[in-house]
Amino acid sequence: MATAHVATDDAPLVHKSFAPPGRLPPGSGAVVAASGSTWPPETPVERLLDDVSDIWVPALVLAHRPDGGYDIRYCDERHTEEKNVQPFELRLRQAAGGENSDAAAAAHAGSGGGAAADHAVATADGAK
């Protein structure tokens, strides 16, 4: 958050804090990290592979590290794992329409995890 110096009629100089609106979507890992929150294991997320082409791939959080990074497992046939992915490279898994998938997260959380949960999430967000 930046601080601006604003002159007013009542005081020659007032300090006001502001944040630029709408720069980061609410489901982004950077927003979660900035709020002091973390995603628990089994949270359905997407990993940014190519920021120029805006390519995101589905994954699940395995763990949150003390330095702020996440260990993730990709939701592909090989279930590849990646360690210490930075929060700005992650976002909550999105529905087919591009919105954060609360239904996918709820389906995954309510099912207890595992293959059935992966299928429920994939069904909810149209992926897999």
N, C-alpha and C. Protein backbone atom coordinates (compact mmCIF):
# COMPACT_ATOMS: atom_id res chain seq x y z
N MET A 1 0.85 -1.16 0.00
CA MET A 1 0.00 0.00 0.00
C MET A 1 0.90 1.23 0.00
N ALA A 2 0.58 2.21 -0.82
CA ALA A 2 1.38 3.41 -0.94
C ALA A 2 0.79 4.53 -0.10
N THR A 3 1.62 5.50 0.19
CA THR A 3 1.17 6.66 0.94
C THR A 3 1.26 7.88 0.05
N ALA A 4 0.18 8.67 0.04
CA ALA A 4 0.15 9.90 -0.76
C ALA A 4 0.17 11.10 0.17
N HIS A 5 0.74 12.16 -0.28
CA HIS A 5 0.75 13.41 0.47
C HIS A 5 -0.24 14.34 -0.22
N VAL A 6 -1.31 14.70 0.50
CA VAL A 6 -2.39 15.47 -0.10
C VAL A 6 -2.58 16.77 0.68
N ALA A 7 -2.60 17.88 -0.03
CA ALA A 7 -2.86 19.18 0.60
C ALA A 7 -4.37 19.40 0.66
N THR A 8 -4.85 19.93 1.78
CA THR A 8 -6.27 20.26 1.95
C THR A 8 -6.39 21.67 2.49
N ASP A 9 -7.64 22.17 2.58
CA ASP A 9 -7.87 23.51 3.13
C ASP A 9 -7.57 23.56 4.62
N ASP A 10 -7.84 22.47 5.34
CA ASP A 10 -7.67 22.44 6.80
C ASP A 10 -6.21 22.24 7.22
N ALA A 11 -5.48 21.52 6.44
CA ALA A 11 -4.09 21.22 6.80
C ALA A 11 -3.24 21.29 5.54
N PRO A 12 -2.02 21.79 5.67
CA PRO A 12 -1.17 21.91 4.48
C PRO A 12 -0.78 20.55 3.89
N LEU A 13 -0.68 19.53 4.72
CA LEU A 13 -0.24 18.24 4.21
C LEU A 13 -0.89 17.11 5.02
N VAL A 14 -1.58 16.21 4.34
CA VAL A 14 -2.24 15.08 4.99
C VAL A 14 -1.71 13.80 4.36
N HIS A 15 -1.44 12.81 5.19
CA HIS A 15 -0.99 11.52 4.68
C HIS A 15 -2.19 10.59 4.54
N LYS A 16 -2.42 10.08 3.35
CA LYS A 16 -3.50 9.14 3.12
C LYS A 16 -2.92 7.89 2.48
N SER A 17 -3.40 6.75 2.94
CA SER A 17 -2.98 5.49 2.33
C SER A 17 -4.01 5.07 1.30
N PHE A 18 -3.55 4.47 0.24
CA PHE A 18 -4.46 3.99 -0.79
C PHE A 18 -3.85 2.76 -1.46
N ALA A 19 -4.70 2.01 -2.12
CA ALA A 19 -4.28 0.86 -2.91
C ALA A 19 -4.96 0.95 -4.26
N PRO A 20 -4.26 0.69 -5.33
CA PRO A 20 -4.91 0.74 -6.64
C PRO A 20 -6.01 -0.31 -6.72
N PRO A 21 -7.20 0.06 -7.17
CA PRO A 21 -8.30 -0.89 -7.21
C PRO A 21 -8.17 -1.90 -8.35
N GLY A 22 -8.60 -3.13 -8.07
CA GLY A 22 -8.76 -4.13 -9.12
C GLY A 22 -7.51 -4.62 -9.82
N ARG A 23 -6.36 -4.46 -9.23
CA ARG A 23 -5.15 -4.91 -9.92
C ARG A 23 -4.98 -6.42 -9.87
N LEU A 24 -5.40 -7.04 -8.78
CA LEU A 24 -5.26 -8.48 -8.63
C LEU A 24 -6.62 -9.10 -8.37
N PRO A 25 -6.93 -10.20 -9.02
CA PRO A 25 -8.21 -10.85 -8.75
C PRO A 25 -8.23 -11.42 -7.34
N PRO A 26 -9.39 -11.49 -6.69
CA PRO A 26 -9.47 -11.93 -5.31
C PRO A 26 -8.93 -13.34 -5.08
N GLY A 27 -8.95 -14.21 -6.06
CA GLY A 27 -8.47 -15.58 -5.88
C GLY A 27 -6.98 -15.76 -6.09
N SER A 28 -6.24 -14.69 -6.33
CA SER A 28 -4.82 -14.83 -6.61
C SER A 28 -4.03 -15.16 -5.35
N GLY A 29 -2.97 -15.92 -5.52
CA GLY A 29 -2.11 -16.28 -4.40
C GLY A 29 -1.45 -15.07 -3.77
N ALA A 30 -1.18 -14.05 -4.56
CA ALA A 30 -0.57 -12.83 -4.03
C ALA A 30 -1.51 -12.13 -3.05
N VAL A 31 -2.80 -12.12 -3.36
CA VAL A 31 -3.78 -11.50 -2.47
C VAL A 31 -3.88 -12.31 -1.18
N VAL A 32 -3.91 -13.63 -1.31
CA VAL A 32 -3.97 -14.49 -0.12
C VAL A 32 -2.75 -14.26 0.76
N ALA A 33 -1.56 -14.22 0.15
CA ALA A 33 -0.33 -14.01 0.92
C ALA A 33 -0.32 -12.64 1.59
N ALA A 34 -0.77 -11.61 0.87
CA ALA A 34 -0.79 -10.26 1.43
C ALA A 34 -1.75 -10.14 2.61
N SER A 35 -2.79 -10.95 2.61
CA SER A 35 -3.76 -10.89 3.70
C SER A 35 -3.29 -11.66 4.94
N GLY A 36 -2.18 -12.39 4.80
CA GLY A 36 -1.67 -13.18 5.91
C GLY A 36 -2.29 -14.57 5.97
N SER A 37 -3.13 -14.90 5.02
CA SER A 37 -3.77 -16.21 4.97
C SER A 37 -2.92 -17.18 4.16
N THR A 38 -3.22 -18.45 4.28
CA THR A 38 -2.58 -19.47 3.46
C THR A 38 -3.65 -20.45 2.99
N TRP A 39 -3.36 -21.15 1.91
CA TRP A 39 -4.26 -22.20 1.44
C TRP A 39 -3.85 -23.51 2.10
N PRO A 40 -4.80 -24.24 2.64
CA PRO A 40 -4.48 -25.53 3.27
C PRO A 40 -4.22 -26.60 2.23
N PRO A 41 -3.62 -27.72 2.64
CA PRO A 41 -3.43 -28.85 1.71
C PRO A 41 -4.76 -29.26 1.09
N GLU A 42 -4.67 -29.73 -0.14
CA GLU A 42 -5.81 -30.20 -0.95
C GLU A 42 -6.65 -29.06 -1.54
N THR A 43 -6.21 -27.80 -1.39
CA THR A 43 -6.92 -26.69 -2.03
C THR A 43 -6.70 -26.78 -3.54
N PRO A 44 -7.78 -26.76 -4.34
CA PRO A 44 -7.62 -26.78 -5.80
C PRO A 44 -7.16 -25.41 -6.30
N VAL A 45 -6.01 -25.39 -6.96
CA VAL A 45 -5.43 -24.15 -7.48
C VAL A 45 -5.06 -24.34 -8.94
N GLU A 46 -4.58 -23.27 -9.54
CA GLU A 46 -4.01 -23.31 -10.88
C GLU A 46 -2.63 -22.67 -10.81
N ARG A 47 -1.71 -23.23 -11.57
CA ARG A 47 -0.32 -22.75 -11.62
C ARG A 47 -0.10 -22.04 -12.94
N LEU A 48 0.45 -20.83 -12.90
CA LEU A 48 0.76 -20.08 -14.11
C LEU A 48 1.99 -20.67 -14.77
N LEU A 49 1.83 -21.15 -16.00
CA LEU A 49 2.97 -21.70 -16.74
C LEU A 49 3.55 -20.69 -17.72
N ASP A 50 2.69 -19.86 -18.30
CA ASP A 50 3.15 -18.89 -19.29
C ASP A 50 2.34 -17.62 -19.13
N ASP A 51 2.97 -16.57 -18.58
CA ASP A 51 2.23 -15.34 -18.34
C ASP A 51 1.93 -14.55 -19.61
N VAL A 52 2.72 -14.74 -20.65
CA VAL A 52 2.46 -14.02 -21.90
C VAL A 52 1.20 -14.58 -22.57
N SER A 53 1.08 -15.91 -22.62
CA SER A 53 -0.08 -16.55 -23.23
C SER A 53 -1.20 -16.80 -22.23
N ASP A 54 -0.97 -16.47 -20.94
CA ASP A 54 -1.95 -16.66 -19.88
C ASP A 54 -2.39 -18.12 -19.79
N ILE A 55 -1.41 -19.02 -19.68
CA ILE A 55 -1.68 -20.46 -19.58
C ILE A 55 -1.59 -20.88 -18.13
N TRP A 56 -2.70 -21.43 -17.61
CA TRP A 56 -2.81 -21.91 -16.24
C TRP A 56 -3.15 -23.39 -16.27
N VAL A 57 -2.55 -24.19 -15.37
CA VAL A 57 -2.84 -25.62 -15.32
C VAL A 57 -3.31 -25.99 -13.90
N PRO A 58 -4.25 -26.95 -13.80
CA PRO A 58 -4.78 -27.33 -12.49
C PRO A 58 -3.77 -28.08 -11.63
N ALA A 59 -3.85 -27.82 -10.33
CA ALA A 59 -2.98 -28.47 -9.35
C ALA A 59 -3.68 -28.48 -8.01
N LEU A 60 -3.09 -29.18 -7.05
CA LEU A 60 -3.57 -29.20 -5.67
C LEU A 60 -2.44 -28.78 -4.76
N VAL A 61 -2.76 -28.01 -3.73
CA VAL A 61 -1.76 -27.64 -2.73
C VAL A 61 -1.43 -28.87 -1.89
N LEU A 62 -0.14 -29.14 -1.73
CA LEU A 62 0.32 -30.21 -0.84
C LEU A 62 0.72 -29.64 0.52
N ALA A 63 1.38 -28.47 0.50
CA ALA A 63 1.86 -27.87 1.75
C ALA A 63 2.19 -26.40 1.52
N HIS A 64 2.14 -25.65 2.61
CA HIS A 64 2.59 -24.26 2.60
C HIS A 64 3.91 -24.21 3.35
N ARG A 65 4.91 -23.57 2.78
CA ARG A 65 6.24 -23.49 3.39
C ARG A 65 6.37 -22.23 4.24
N PRO A 66 7.23 -22.27 5.25
CA PRO A 66 7.44 -21.09 6.11
C PRO A 66 7.87 -19.84 5.36
N ASP A 67 8.58 -20.00 4.23
CA ASP A 67 9.03 -18.84 3.46
C ASP A 67 7.94 -18.28 2.55
N GLY A 68 6.74 -18.89 2.57
CA GLY A 68 5.62 -18.37 1.78
C GLY A 68 5.30 -19.16 0.53
N GLY A 69 6.20 -20.02 0.08
CA GLY A 69 5.95 -20.81 -1.12
C GLY A 69 5.02 -21.98 -0.83
N TYR A 70 4.58 -22.63 -1.91
CA TYR A 70 3.69 -23.78 -1.81
C TYR A 70 4.30 -24.97 -2.55
N ASP A 71 4.09 -26.16 -2.00
CA ASP A 71 4.37 -27.39 -2.72
C ASP A 71 3.05 -27.80 -3.35
N ILE A 72 3.08 -28.15 -4.64
CA ILE A 72 1.85 -28.50 -5.34
C ILE A 72 2.02 -29.81 -6.10
N ARG A 73 0.88 -30.42 -6.44
CA ARG A 73 0.86 -31.60 -7.31
C ARG A 73 -0.07 -31.29 -8.47
N TYR A 74 0.44 -31.47 -9.69
CA TYR A 74 -0.36 -31.21 -10.88
C TYR A 74 -1.43 -32.28 -11.03
N CYS A 75 -2.57 -31.89 -11.56
CA CYS A 75 -3.69 -32.80 -11.79
C CYS A 75 -3.62 -33.35 -13.21
N ASP A 76 -2.54 -34.05 -13.49
CA ASP A 76 -2.40 -34.70 -14.79
C ASP A 76 -2.16 -36.19 -14.56
N GLU A 77 -1.95 -36.93 -15.61
CA GLU A 77 -1.79 -38.38 -15.46
C GLU A 77 -0.51 -38.78 -14.71
N ARG A 78 0.48 -37.91 -14.68
CA ARG A 78 1.74 -38.23 -13.96
C ARG A 78 1.77 -37.72 -12.53
N HIS A 79 0.86 -36.83 -12.16
CA HIS A 79 0.80 -36.25 -10.81
C HIS A 79 2.16 -35.69 -10.37
N THR A 80 2.79 -34.96 -11.27
CA THR A 80 4.08 -34.35 -11.00
C THR A 80 3.96 -33.36 -9.83
N GLU A 81 4.98 -33.34 -8.98
CA GLU A 81 5.00 -32.41 -7.86
C GLU A 81 6.04 -31.32 -8.11
N GLU A 82 5.75 -30.12 -7.64
CA GLU A 82 6.68 -29.01 -7.74
C GLU A 82 6.78 -28.37 -6.36
N LYS A 83 7.99 -28.04 -5.95
CA LYS A 83 8.24 -27.50 -4.62
C LYS A 83 8.46 -25.99 -4.68
N ASN A 84 8.03 -25.31 -3.62
CA ASN A 84 8.30 -23.89 -3.40
C ASN A 84 7.84 -22.98 -4.54
N VAL A 85 6.61 -23.17 -4.99
CA VAL A 85 6.02 -22.30 -6.01
C VAL A 85 5.58 -21.01 -5.30
N GLN A 86 5.94 -19.89 -5.84
CA GLN A 86 5.63 -18.60 -5.21
C GLN A 86 4.13 -18.28 -5.36
N PRO A 87 3.55 -17.63 -4.35
CA PRO A 87 2.11 -17.36 -4.37
C PRO A 87 1.61 -16.61 -5.59
N PHE A 88 2.41 -15.69 -6.13
CA PHE A 88 1.94 -14.92 -7.28
C PHE A 88 1.82 -15.78 -8.55
N GLU A 89 2.34 -17.01 -8.50
CA GLU A 89 2.22 -17.93 -9.64
C GLU A 89 1.04 -18.88 -9.48
N LEU A 90 0.22 -18.67 -8.45
CA LEU A 90 -0.93 -19.53 -8.18
C LEU A 90 -2.20 -18.70 -8.07
N ARG A 91 -3.32 -19.34 -8.33
CA ARG A 91 -4.63 -18.75 -8.07
C ARG A 91 -5.58 -19.90 -7.76
N LEU A 92 -6.70 -19.58 -7.12
CA LEU A 92 -7.71 -20.59 -6.89
C LEU A 92 -8.18 -21.12 -8.23
N ARG A 93 -8.49 -22.41 -8.27
CA ARG A 93 -8.95 -23.01 -9.52
C ARG A 93 -10.21 -22.29 -9.98
N GLN A 94 -10.28 -22.03 -11.27
CA GLN A 94 -11.39 -21.27 -11.82
C GLN A 94 -12.36 -22.18 -12.56
N ALA A 95 -13.63 -21.77 -12.55
CA ALA A 95 -14.67 -22.49 -13.29
C ALA A 95 -14.45 -22.24 -14.78
N ALA A 96 -15.16 -22.98 -15.59
CA ALA A 96 -15.02 -22.86 -17.04
C ALA A 96 -15.26 -21.43 -17.52
N GLY A 97 -16.11 -20.67 -16.81
CA GLY A 97 -16.41 -19.30 -17.21
C GLY A 97 -15.36 -18.30 -16.80
N GLY A 98 -14.30 -18.75 -16.07
CA GLY A 98 -13.23 -17.86 -15.69
C GLY A 98 -13.36 -17.29 -14.30
N GLU A 99 -14.42 -17.60 -13.58
CA GLU A 99 -14.59 -17.11 -12.21
C GLU A 99 -14.01 -18.13 -11.24
N ASN A 100 -13.61 -17.68 -10.05
CA ASN A 100 -13.12 -18.61 -9.04
C ASN A 100 -14.20 -19.62 -8.75
N SER A 101 -13.81 -20.86 -8.67
CA SER A 101 -14.77 -21.93 -8.51
C SER A 101 -15.00 -22.27 -7.04
N ASP A 102 -15.96 -21.58 -6.40
CA ASP A 102 -16.33 -21.93 -5.04
C ASP A 102 -16.92 -23.32 -5.00
N ALA A 103 -17.65 -23.71 -6.06
CA ALA A 103 -18.24 -25.04 -6.12
C ALA A 103 -17.15 -26.10 -6.16
N ALA A 104 -16.07 -25.83 -6.89
CA ALA A 104 -14.97 -26.79 -6.95
C ALA A 104 -14.29 -26.93 -5.61
N ALA A 105 -14.05 -25.81 -4.95
CA ALA A 105 -13.40 -25.86 -3.63
C ALA A 105 -14.30 -26.56 -2.63
N ALA A 106 -15.60 -26.28 -2.65
CA ALA A 106 -16.53 -26.92 -1.72
C ALA A 106 -16.64 -28.41 -1.99
N ALA A 107 -16.69 -28.79 -3.26
CA ALA A 107 -16.78 -30.21 -3.61
C ALA A 107 -15.55 -30.95 -3.12
N HIS A 108 -14.39 -30.30 -3.28
CA HIS A 108 -13.15 -30.94 -2.86
C HIS A 108 -13.08 -31.04 -1.34
N ALA A 109 -13.41 -29.96 -0.65
CA ALA A 109 -13.32 -29.94 0.81
C ALA A 109 -14.34 -30.89 1.43
N GLY A 110 -15.54 -30.94 0.87
CA GLY A 110 -16.60 -31.76 1.44
C GLY A 110 -16.45 -33.24 1.16
N SER A 111 -15.60 -33.61 0.23
CA SER A 111 -15.51 -35.02 -0.15
C SER A 111 -14.41 -35.76 0.58
N GLY A 112 -13.58 -35.05 1.33
CA GLY A 112 -12.52 -35.72 2.09
C GLY A 112 -11.26 -35.97 1.30
N GLY A 113 -11.14 -35.43 0.09
CA GLY A 113 -9.91 -35.58 -0.69
C GLY A 113 -9.88 -36.89 -1.46
N GLY A 114 -8.72 -37.19 -2.07
CA GLY A 114 -8.54 -38.44 -2.79
C GLY A 114 -9.05 -38.37 -4.22
N ALA A 115 -9.09 -39.54 -4.88
CA ALA A 115 -9.46 -39.62 -6.30
C ALA A 115 -10.90 -39.15 -6.51
N ALA A 116 -11.81 -39.50 -5.59
CA ALA A 116 -13.19 -39.07 -5.73
C ALA A 116 -13.28 -37.55 -5.68
N ALA A 117 -12.49 -36.95 -4.81
CA ALA A 117 -12.48 -35.49 -4.71
C ALA A 117 -11.93 -34.87 -5.97
N ASP A 118 -10.86 -35.45 -6.52
CA ASP A 118 -10.30 -34.93 -7.76
C ASP A 118 -11.35 -34.97 -8.86
N HIS A 119 -12.12 -36.07 -8.91
CA HIS A 119 -13.17 -36.19 -9.92
C HIS A 119 -14.26 -35.15 -9.68
N ALA A 120 -14.63 -34.93 -8.40
CA ALA A 120 -15.66 -33.94 -8.09
C ALA A 120 -15.21 -32.56 -8.49
N VAL A 121 -13.96 -32.22 -8.23
CA VAL A 121 -13.44 -30.92 -8.62
C VAL A 121 -13.40 -30.80 -10.12
N ALA A 122 -12.92 -31.85 -10.79
CA ALA A 122 -12.85 -31.81 -12.25
C ALA A 122 -14.25 -31.65 -12.85
N THR A 123 -15.24 -32.31 -12.27
CA THR A 123 -16.60 -32.19 -12.76
C THR A 123 -17.13 -30.79 -12.51
N ALA A 124 -16.83 -30.23 -11.35
CA ALA A 124 -17.33 -28.91 -11.00
C ALA A 124 -16.74 -27.82 -11.88
N ASP A 125 -15.46 -27.94 -12.26
CA ASP A 125 -14.86 -26.85 -13.03
C ASP A 125 -14.63 -27.19 -14.49
N GLY A 126 -15.05 -28.36 -14.93
CA GLY A 126 -14.96 -28.71 -16.34
C GLY A 126 -13.57 -29.11 -16.79
N ALA A 127 -12.62 -29.32 -15.86
CA ALA A 127 -11.25 -29.67 -16.23
C ALA A 127 -11.05 -31.17 -16.11
N LYS A 128 -9.87 -31.60 -16.43
CA LYS A 128 -9.34 -32.96 -16.26
C LYS A 128 -9.36 -33.79 -17.48
